[in-house]
Amino acid sequence: MSVKGKVAIITEGSEGIGRAASILLAQRGAKVVVQYVKDAAAAEAVVSVIRANGGQATALQADVREKDQVLRLVDAVNESFGRIDILVCNGNMTFEAKPFAELSWQEFSQKVDDELKSAFVMTKAVIPTMTGQQCGRIIYISNTFGKDPSPLMIAHGTAKGGLDSFSLYIAQEFGPYGISANVVAPGLMQMDVSPSWSEQEKRLISNFTPLGRVAVPEDVAGVIAFLASDDARFVTGTYTPVTGGL
């Protein structure tokens, strides 16, 4: 599943799933752009790990909801590398975890707007380059809450459900240009709730998971790497849950 010589932009590439995807794609030969919003040190740390292992990477700052900042980022990537082959949309948008009865429209719409705007702006920015190349891979990081409701997750789940639909339309419209669009949907992961789950909590989730453990970001990164590779050249419009069978 080589991506050798490909140029990949990973949004929020300095932590969690984005970090794991950045490192794995670089290991498999991609030139990786680690996008970050505020934490330059974390992004540079990922770049350092990649370079220490013989890979190519750079960190670039942009708010993925802001068109002008994203266009500057894309222009910088094109200037440095001359192409963009892979976009991993992994925007980590905050949200209010509340029951619907306690949720305001402002709290609800903020999450939906941030989630979809980031996907819209990033996709809009890379599409001209990808259509010019007649190839590209766009991978949207969703969540199973878009299809499987869970308490307190109505804003998060609705936003991710919108992202799932958005991906289908991108797949349909830009398939003739050699561009694929797919969704990767992790389930519960340790980083989603707390950086330090108790052993009891881990055992509880593991007991409900056929594969018998809690997911880690590297589990998701492997699926991203497959969809970014030429092995997935005839795969588009898909939704892949990464849940261990939960």
C-alpha atoms as a PDB file:
ATOM      1  CA  MET A   1       0.000   0.000   0.000  1.00  0.00           C
ATOM      2  CA  SER A   2       2.683   2.430  -1.050  1.00  0.00           C
ATOM      3  CA  VAL A   3       2.002   6.131  -1.426  1.00  0.00           C
ATOM      4  CA  LYS A   4       5.580   6.817  -2.489  1.00  0.00           C
ATOM      5  CA  GLY A   5       6.057  10.268  -3.983  1.00  0.00           C
ATOM      6  CA  LYS A   6       2.503  11.378  -3.172  1.00  0.00           C
ATOM      7  CA  VAL A   7       1.861  14.687  -1.423  1.00  0.00           C
ATOM      8  CA  ALA A   8      -0.563  14.512   1.496  1.00  0.00           C
ATOM      9  CA  ILE A   9      -2.178  17.258   3.572  1.00  0.00           C
ATOM     10  CA  ILE A  10      -3.349  16.048   6.986  1.00  0.00           C
ATOM     11  CA  THR A  11      -5.526  18.523   8.864  1.00  0.00           C
ATOM     12  CA  GLU A  12      -5.002  18.494  12.631  1.00  0.00           C
ATOM     13  CA  GLY A  13      -2.012  16.334  11.820  1.00  0.00           C
ATOM     14  CA  SER A  14      -0.241  16.867  15.124  1.00  0.00           C
ATOM     15  CA  GLU A  15      -2.420  14.813  17.467  1.00  0.00           C
ATOM     16  CA  GLY A  16      -4.493  11.667  17.729  1.00  0.00           C
ATOM     17  CA  ILE A  17      -5.634  10.190  14.433  1.00  0.00           C
ATOM     18  CA  GLY A  18      -3.988  12.985  12.442  1.00  0.00           C
ATOM     19  CA  ARG A  19      -0.613  12.343  14.055  1.00  0.00           C
ATOM     20  CA  ALA A  20      -0.831   8.586  13.469  1.00  0.00           C
ATOM     21  CA  ALA A  21      -1.884   9.126   9.847  1.00  0.00           C
ATOM     22  CA  SER A  22       0.896  11.651   9.217  1.00  0.00           C
ATOM     23  CA  ILE A  23       3.557   9.273  10.511  1.00  0.00           C
ATOM     24  CA  LEU A  24       2.206   6.206   8.698  1.00  0.00           C
ATOM     25  CA  LEU A  25       1.768   7.937   5.334  1.00  0.00           C
ATOM     26  CA  ALA A  26       5.312   9.284   5.619  1.00  0.00           C
ATOM     27  CA  GLN A  27       6.608   5.792   6.447  1.00  0.00           C
ATOM     28  CA  ARG A  28       4.979   4.566   3.251  1.00  0.00           C
ATOM     29  CA  GLY A  29       6.635   7.227   1.134  1.00  0.00           C
ATOM     30  CA  ALA A  30       4.347  10.255   1.099  1.00  0.00           C
ATOM     31  CA  LYS A  31       5.512  13.836   1.521  1.00  0.00           C
ATOM     32  CA  VAL A  32       3.376  14.986   4.419  1.00  0.00           C
ATOM     33  CA  VAL A  33       2.041  18.438   5.268  1.00  0.00           C
ATOM     34  CA  VAL A  34       1.017  18.593   8.929  1.00  0.00           C
ATOM     35  CA  GLN A  35      -1.616  21.309   9.298  1.00  0.00           C
ATOM     36  CA  TYR A  36      -2.150  22.831  12.717  1.00  0.00           C
ATOM     37  CA  VAL A  37      -4.110  25.746  14.171  1.00  0.00           C
ATOM     38  CA  LYS A  38      -2.318  26.823  17.364  1.00  0.00           C
ATOM     39  CA  ASP A  39       0.120  24.221  18.646  1.00  0.00           C
ATOM     40  CA  ALA A  40       3.165  24.717  16.439  1.00  0.00           C
ATOM     41  CA  ALA A  41       5.375  22.755  18.828  1.00  0.00           C
ATOM     42  CA  ALA A  42       3.213  19.632  18.549  1.00  0.00           C
ATOM     43  CA  ALA A  43       3.179  19.886  14.741  1.00  0.00           C
ATOM     44  CA  GLU A  44       6.950  20.341  14.586  1.00  0.00           C
ATOM     45  CA  ALA A  45       7.357  17.352  16.893  1.00  0.00           C
ATOM     46  CA  VAL A  46       5.517  15.169  14.369  1.00  0.00           C
ATOM     47  CA  VAL A  47       7.657  16.567  11.562  1.00  0.00           C
ATOM     48  CA  SER A  48      10.776  15.740  13.582  1.00  0.00           C
ATOM     49  CA  VAL A  49       9.632  12.141  14.097  1.00  0.00           C
ATOM     50  CA  ILE A  50       8.998  11.755  10.376  1.00  0.00           C
ATOM     51  CA  ARG A  51      12.334  13.248   9.365  1.00  0.00           C
ATOM     52  CA  ALA A  52      14.208  11.182  11.936  1.00  0.00           C
ATOM     53  CA  ASN A  53      12.858   8.092  10.203  1.00  0.00           C
ATOM     54  CA  GLY A  54      13.920   9.287   6.760  1.00  0.00           C
ATOM     55  CA  GLY A  55      10.610  10.782   5.657  1.00  0.00           C
ATOM     56  CA  GLN A  56       9.675  14.189   4.264  1.00  0.00           C
ATOM     57  CA  ALA A  57       7.335  16.511   6.145  1.00  0.00           C
ATOM     58  CA  THR A  58       6.584  20.120   6.885  1.00  0.00           C
ATOM     59  CA  ALA A  59       4.193  21.878   9.269  1.00  0.00           C
ATOM     60  CA  LEU A  60       1.902  24.674   8.095  1.00  0.00           C
ATOM     61  CA  GLN A  61      -0.518  26.784  10.113  1.00  0.00           C
ATOM     62  CA  ALA A  62      -4.099  27.533   9.043  1.00  0.00           C
ATOM     63  CA  ASP A  63      -7.597  27.640  10.461  1.00  0.00           C
ATOM     64  CA  VAL A  64      -9.400  25.173   8.201  1.00  0.00           C
ATOM     65  CA  ARG A  65     -12.635  27.160   8.522  1.00  0.00           C
ATOM     66  CA  GLU A  66     -11.065  30.278   7.025  1.00  0.00           C
ATOM     67  CA  LYS A  67     -10.927  30.404   3.227  1.00  0.00           C
ATOM     68  CA  ASP A  68      -8.017  32.850   2.930  1.00  0.00           C
ATOM     69  CA  GLN A  69      -5.834  30.914   5.359  1.00  0.00           C
ATOM     70  CA  VAL A  70      -6.572  27.614   3.639  1.00  0.00           C
ATOM     71  CA  LEU A  71      -5.824  29.044   0.204  1.00  0.00           C
ATOM     72  CA  ARG A  72      -2.471  30.292   1.481  1.00  0.00           C
ATOM     73  CA  LEU A  73      -1.728  26.827   2.829  1.00  0.00           C
ATOM     74  CA  VAL A  74      -2.646  25.148  -0.468  1.00  0.00           C
ATOM     75  CA  ASP A  75      -0.628  27.677  -2.460  1.00  0.00           C
ATOM     76  CA  ALA A  76       2.383  26.964  -0.222  1.00  0.00           C
ATOM     77  CA  VAL A  77       2.013  23.216  -0.768  1.00  0.00           C
ATOM     78  CA  ASN A  78       1.742  23.632  -4.535  1.00  0.00           C
ATOM     79  CA  GLU A  79       4.753  25.936  -4.559  1.00  0.00           C
ATOM     80  CA  SER A  80       6.861  23.521  -2.512  1.00  0.00           C
ATOM     81  CA  PHE A  81       5.768  20.204  -4.005  1.00  0.00           C
ATOM     82  CA  GLY A  82       3.983  20.993  -7.273  1.00  0.00           C
ATOM     83  CA  ARG A  83       0.981  18.785  -6.565  1.00  0.00           C
ATOM     84  CA  ILE A  84      -1.534  17.582  -3.958  1.00  0.00           C
ATOM     85  CA  ASP A  85      -2.508  13.919  -4.097  1.00  0.00           C
ATOM     86  CA  ILE A  86      -4.118  13.220  -0.729  1.00  0.00           C
ATOM     87  CA  LEU A  87      -6.272  15.261   1.630  1.00  0.00           C
ATOM     88  CA  VAL A  88      -7.183  13.839   5.016  1.00  0.00           C
ATOM     89  CA  CYS A  89      -9.927  16.039   6.502  1.00  0.00           C
ATOM     90  CA  ASN A  90      -9.505  15.481  10.205  1.00  0.00           C
ATOM     91  CA  GLY A  91     -10.712  18.772  11.665  1.00  0.00           C
ATOM     92  CA  ASN A  92     -11.145  18.437  15.433  1.00  0.00           C
ATOM     93  CA  MET A  93     -14.084  20.724  16.132  1.00  0.00           C
ATOM     94  CA  THR A  94     -15.220  21.231  19.698  1.00  0.00           C
ATOM     95  CA  PHE A  95     -18.848  20.683  20.665  1.00  0.00           C
ATOM     96  CA  GLU A  96     -21.210  20.760  23.630  1.00  0.00           C
ATOM     97  CA  ALA A  97     -22.017  17.276  24.920  1.00  0.00           C
ATOM     98  CA  LYS A  98     -25.552  17.846  26.194  1.00  0.00           C
ATOM     99  CA  PRO A  99     -29.007  16.288  25.878  1.00  0.00           C
ATOM    100  CA  PHE A 100     -31.200  17.986  23.283  1.00  0.00           C
ATOM    101  CA  ALA A 101     -33.466  19.431  25.994  1.00  0.00           C
ATOM    102  CA  GLU A 102     -30.556  21.465  27.367  1.00  0.00           C
ATOM    103  CA  LEU A 103     -28.887  22.379  24.057  1.00  0.00           C
ATOM    104  CA  SER A 104     -29.274  25.840  22.550  1.00  0.00           C
ATOM    105  CA  TRP A 105     -29.460  26.477  18.817  1.00  0.00           C
ATOM    106  CA  GLN A 106     -26.181  28.375  19.020  1.00  0.00           C
ATOM    107  CA  GLU A 107     -24.423  25.413  20.646  1.00  0.00           C
ATOM    108  CA  PHE A 108     -25.912  22.982  18.135  1.00  0.00           C
ATOM    109  CA  SER A 109     -25.308  25.044  15.009  1.00  0.00           C
ATOM    110  CA  GLN A 110     -21.741  25.953  16.007  1.00  0.00           C
ATOM    111  CA  LYS A 111     -20.672  22.316  15.761  1.00  0.00           C
ATOM    112  CA  VAL A 112     -22.544  21.638  12.530  1.00  0.00           C
ATOM    113  CA  ASP A 113     -21.247  24.827  10.929  1.00  0.00           C
ATOM    114  CA  ASP A 114     -17.627  24.273  11.990  1.00  0.00           C
ATOM    115  CA  GLU A 115     -17.594  20.644  10.858  1.00  0.00           C
ATOM    116  CA  LEU A 116     -19.120  21.214   7.443  1.00  0.00           C
ATOM    117  CA  LYS A 117     -17.389  24.514   6.773  1.00  0.00           C
ATOM    118  CA  SER A 118     -13.963  22.998   7.382  1.00  0.00           C
ATOM    119  CA  ALA A 119     -14.711  20.119   4.998  1.00  0.00           C
ATOM    120  CA  PHE A 120     -16.181  22.506   2.412  1.00  0.00           C
ATOM    121  CA  VAL A 121     -13.290  24.996   2.564  1.00  0.00           C
ATOM    122  CA  MET A 122     -10.528  22.372   2.463  1.00  0.00           C
ATOM    123  CA  THR A 123     -12.170  20.415  -0.347  1.00  0.00           C
ATOM    124  CA  LYS A 124     -12.848  23.558  -2.369  1.00  0.00           C
ATOM    125  CA  ALA A 125      -9.188  24.569  -2.035  1.00  0.00           C
ATOM    126  CA  VAL A 126      -7.617  21.301  -3.224  1.00  0.00           C
ATOM    127  CA  ILE A 127     -10.099  20.399  -5.968  1.00  0.00           C
ATOM    128  CA  PRO A 128      -8.551  22.657  -8.670  1.00  0.00           C
ATOM    129  CA  THR A 129      -5.154  21.008  -8.208  1.00  0.00           C
ATOM    130  CA  MET A 130      -6.611  17.513  -8.134  1.00  0.00           C
ATOM    131  CA  THR A 131      -8.813  18.048 -11.187  1.00  0.00           C
ATOM    132  CA  GLY A 132      -5.819  19.428 -13.054  1.00  0.00           C
ATOM    133  CA  GLN A 133      -3.871  16.283 -12.196  1.00  0.00           C
ATOM    134  CA  GLN A 134      -6.899  14.080 -12.984  1.00  0.00           C
ATOM    135  CA  CYS A 135      -6.330  12.240  -9.719  1.00  0.00           C
ATOM    136  CA  GLY A 136      -6.693  12.669  -5.979  1.00  0.00           C
ATOM    137  CA  ARG A 137      -7.756  10.987  -2.757  1.00  0.00           C
ATOM    138  CA  ILE A 138      -9.951  12.788  -0.213  1.00  0.00           C
ATOM    139  CA  ILE A 139     -10.566  11.033   3.076  1.00  0.00           C
ATOM    140  CA  TYR A 140     -13.012  12.481   5.601  1.00  0.00           C
ATOM    141  CA  ILE A 141     -12.692  11.468   9.242  1.00  0.00           C
ATOM    142  CA  SER A 142     -16.182  11.044  10.618  1.00  0.00           C
ATOM    143  CA  ASN A 143     -17.507   9.104  13.597  1.00  0.00           C
ATOM    144  CA  THR A 144     -20.060   6.362  14.103  1.00  0.00           C
ATOM    145  CA  PHE A 145     -22.247   8.787  16.077  1.00  0.00           C
ATOM    146  CA  GLY A 146     -23.496  10.028  12.687  1.00  0.00           C
ATOM    147  CA  LYS A 147     -25.309   6.708  12.211  1.00  0.00           C
ATOM    148  CA  ASP A 148     -25.532   5.308  15.745  1.00  0.00           C
ATOM    149  CA  PRO A 149     -27.058   7.812  18.194  1.00  0.00           C
ATOM    150  CA  SER A 150     -25.562   8.053  21.657  1.00  0.00           C
ATOM    151  CA  PRO A 151     -26.576  10.131  24.699  1.00  0.00           C
ATOM    152  CA  LEU A 152     -25.292  13.728  24.715  1.00  0.00           C
ATOM    153  CA  MET A 153     -23.900  13.439  21.173  1.00  0.00           C
ATOM    154  CA  ILE A 154     -26.682  15.014  19.110  1.00  0.00           C
ATOM    155  CA  ALA A 155     -24.603  17.995  17.917  1.00  0.00           C
ATOM    156  CA  HIS A 156     -21.557  15.850  17.193  1.00  0.00           C
ATOM    157  CA  GLY A 157     -23.550  13.085  15.526  1.00  0.00           C
ATOM    158  CA  THR A 158     -25.608  15.441  13.371  1.00  0.00           C
ATOM    159  CA  ALA A 159     -22.452  17.199  12.170  1.00  0.00           C
ATOM    160  CA  LYS A 160     -20.775  13.906  11.319  1.00  0.00           C
ATOM    161  CA  GLY A 161     -23.925  12.692   9.561  1.00  0.00           C
ATOM    162  CA  GLY A 162     -23.756  15.798   7.376  1.00  0.00           C
ATOM    163  CA  LEU A 163     -20.107  15.098   6.638  1.00  0.00           C
ATOM    164  CA  ASP A 164     -20.971  11.546   5.587  1.00  0.00           C
ATOM    165  CA  SER A 165     -23.507  12.881   3.065  1.00  0.00           C
ATOM    166  CA  PHE A 166     -21.143  15.604   1.853  1.00  0.00           C
ATOM    167  CA  SER A 167     -18.557  12.970   0.982  1.00  0.00           C
ATOM    168  CA  LEU A 168     -21.019  11.108  -1.235  1.00  0.00           C
ATOM    169  CA  TYR A 169     -21.696  14.204  -3.312  1.00  0.00           C
ATOM    170  CA  ILE A 170     -17.983  14.928  -3.729  1.00  0.00           C
ATOM    171  CA  ALA A 171     -17.416  11.317  -4.795  1.00  0.00           C
ATOM    172  CA  GLN A 172     -20.182  11.553  -7.390  1.00  0.00           C
ATOM    173  CA  GLU A 173     -19.236  14.930  -8.841  1.00  0.00           C
ATOM    174  CA  PHE A 174     -15.484  14.468  -9.043  1.00  0.00           C
ATOM    175  CA  GLY A 175     -15.188  10.769  -9.829  1.00  0.00           C
ATOM    176  CA  PRO A 176     -14.919  11.581 -13.568  1.00  0.00           C
ATOM    177  CA  TYR A 177     -11.756  13.568 -12.741  1.00  0.00           C
ATOM    178  CA  GLY A 178     -10.096  10.597 -11.067  1.00  0.00           C
ATOM    179  CA  ILE A 179     -10.799  11.916  -7.562  1.00  0.00           C
ATOM    180  CA  SER A 180     -12.117   9.592  -4.869  1.00  0.00           C
ATOM    181  CA  ALA A 181     -13.869  10.618  -1.662  1.00  0.00           C
ATOM    182  CA  ASN A 182     -14.330   8.220   1.232  1.00  0.00           C
ATOM    183  CA  VAL A 183     -15.315   8.344   4.905  1.00  0.00           C
ATOM    184  CA  VAL A 184     -13.478   6.651   7.746  1.00  0.00           C
ATOM    185  CA  ALA A 185     -15.611   6.445  10.882  1.00  0.00           C
ATOM    186  CA  PRO A 186     -13.933   5.485  14.155  1.00  0.00           C
ATOM    187  CA  GLY A 187     -16.051   4.376  17.065  1.00  0.00           C
ATOM    188  CA  LEU A 188     -15.178   4.964  20.684  1.00  0.00           C
ATOM    189  CA  MET A 189     -11.500   5.634  21.217  1.00  0.00           C
ATOM    190  CA  GLN A 190      -9.611   6.408  24.384  1.00  0.00           C
ATOM    191  CA  MET A 191      -8.750   9.902  23.174  1.00  0.00           C
ATOM    192  CA  ASP A 192     -12.424  10.724  22.491  1.00  0.00           C
ATOM    193  CA  VAL A 193     -13.372  10.763  26.149  1.00  0.00           C
ATOM    194  CA  SER A 194     -10.299  10.993  28.297  1.00  0.00           C
ATOM    195  CA  PRO A 195      -6.546  10.692  27.858  1.00  0.00           C
ATOM    196  CA  SER A 196      -6.444   8.374  30.856  1.00  0.00           C
ATOM    197  CA  TRP A 197      -9.297   5.906  31.048  1.00  0.00           C
ATOM    198  CA  SER A 198      -9.253   3.645  34.056  1.00  0.00           C
ATOM    199  CA  GLU A 199      -8.483  -0.022  33.505  1.00  0.00           C
ATOM    200  CA  GLN A 200     -12.057  -0.804  34.515  1.00  0.00           C
ATOM    201  CA  GLU A 201     -13.421   1.472  31.773  1.00  0.00           C
ATOM    202  CA  LYS A 202     -11.105  -0.073  29.186  1.00  0.00           C
ATOM    203  CA  ARG A 203     -12.210  -3.571  30.195  1.00  0.00           C
ATOM    204  CA  LEU A 204     -15.864  -2.591  29.971  1.00  0.00           C
ATOM    205  CA  ILE A 205     -15.514  -1.303  26.386  1.00  0.00           C
ATOM    206  CA  SER A 206     -13.304  -4.237  25.434  1.00  0.00           C
ATOM    207  CA  ASN A 207     -15.942  -6.682  26.668  1.00  0.00           C
ATOM    208  CA  PHE A 208     -18.458  -5.215  24.200  1.00  0.00           C
ATOM    209  CA  THR A 209     -15.974  -5.208  21.309  1.00  0.00           C
ATOM    210  CA  PRO A 210     -15.620  -8.442  19.313  1.00  0.00           C
ATOM    211  CA  LEU A 211     -11.909  -7.791  18.726  1.00  0.00           C
ATOM    212  CA  GLY A 212     -11.480  -7.418  22.444  1.00  0.00           C
ATOM    213  CA  ARG A 213      -9.726  -4.099  23.017  1.00  0.00           C
ATOM    214  CA  VAL A 214     -10.023  -0.319  22.904  1.00  0.00           C
ATOM    215  CA  ALA A 215      -9.181   1.343  19.592  1.00  0.00           C
ATOM    216  CA  VAL A 216      -6.018   3.407  19.189  1.00  0.00           C
ATOM    217  CA  PRO A 217      -5.274   6.066  16.524  1.00  0.00           C
ATOM    218  CA  GLU A 218      -2.990   3.690  14.627  1.00  0.00           C
ATOM    219  CA  ASP A 219      -5.994   1.437  13.944  1.00  0.00           C
ATOM    220  CA  VAL A 220      -7.650   4.286  12.060  1.00  0.00           C
ATOM    221  CA  ALA A 221      -4.442   5.403  10.356  1.00  0.00           C
ATOM    222  CA  GLY A 222      -4.105   2.006   8.676  1.00  0.00           C
ATOM    223  CA  VAL A 223      -7.493   2.402   6.989  1.00  0.00           C
ATOM    224  CA  ILE A 224      -6.622   5.952   5.939  1.00  0.00           C
ATOM    225  CA  ALA A 225      -3.365   4.734   4.411  1.00  0.00           C
ATOM    226  CA  PHE A 226      -5.195   2.066   2.407  1.00  0.00           C
ATOM    227  CA  LEU A 227      -7.726   4.540   1.021  1.00  0.00           C
ATOM    228  CA  ALA A 228      -4.901   6.938   0.149  1.00  0.00           C
ATOM    229  CA  SER A 229      -2.998   4.277  -1.776  1.00  0.00           C
ATOM    230  CA  ASP A 230      -3.299   3.004  -5.334  1.00  0.00           C
ATOM    231  CA  ASP A 231      -4.702  -0.239  -3.911  1.00  0.00           C
ATOM    232  CA  ALA A 232      -7.921   1.748  -3.346  1.00  0.00           C
ATOM    233  CA  ARG A 233      -7.973   3.217  -6.865  1.00  0.00           C
ATOM    234  CA  PHE A 234     -11.507   1.916  -7.554  1.00  0.00           C
ATOM    235  CA  VAL A 235     -12.945   2.707  -4.126  1.00  0.00           C
ATOM    236  CA  THR A 236     -15.053   5.840  -3.704  1.00  0.00           C
ATOM    237  CA  GLY A 237     -18.213   6.929  -1.917  1.00  0.00           C
ATOM    238  CA  THR A 238     -17.633   4.453   0.906  1.00  0.00           C
ATOM    239  CA  TYR A 239     -18.199   4.623   4.665  1.00  0.00           C
ATOM    240  CA  THR A 240     -15.791   2.473   6.674  1.00  0.00           C
ATOM    241  CA  PRO A 241     -16.445   2.023  10.402  1.00  0.00           C
ATOM    242  CA  VAL A 242     -13.310   1.308  12.458  1.00  0.00           C
ATOM    243  CA  THR A 243     -14.857  -0.089  15.609  1.00  0.00           C
ATOM    244  CA  GLY A 244     -13.421  -3.551  16.219  1.00  0.00           C
ATOM    245  CA  GLY A 245     -16.924  -4.837  15.492  1.00  0.00           C
ATOM    246  CA  LEU A 246     -18.530  -2.914  18.365  1.00  0.00           C
END
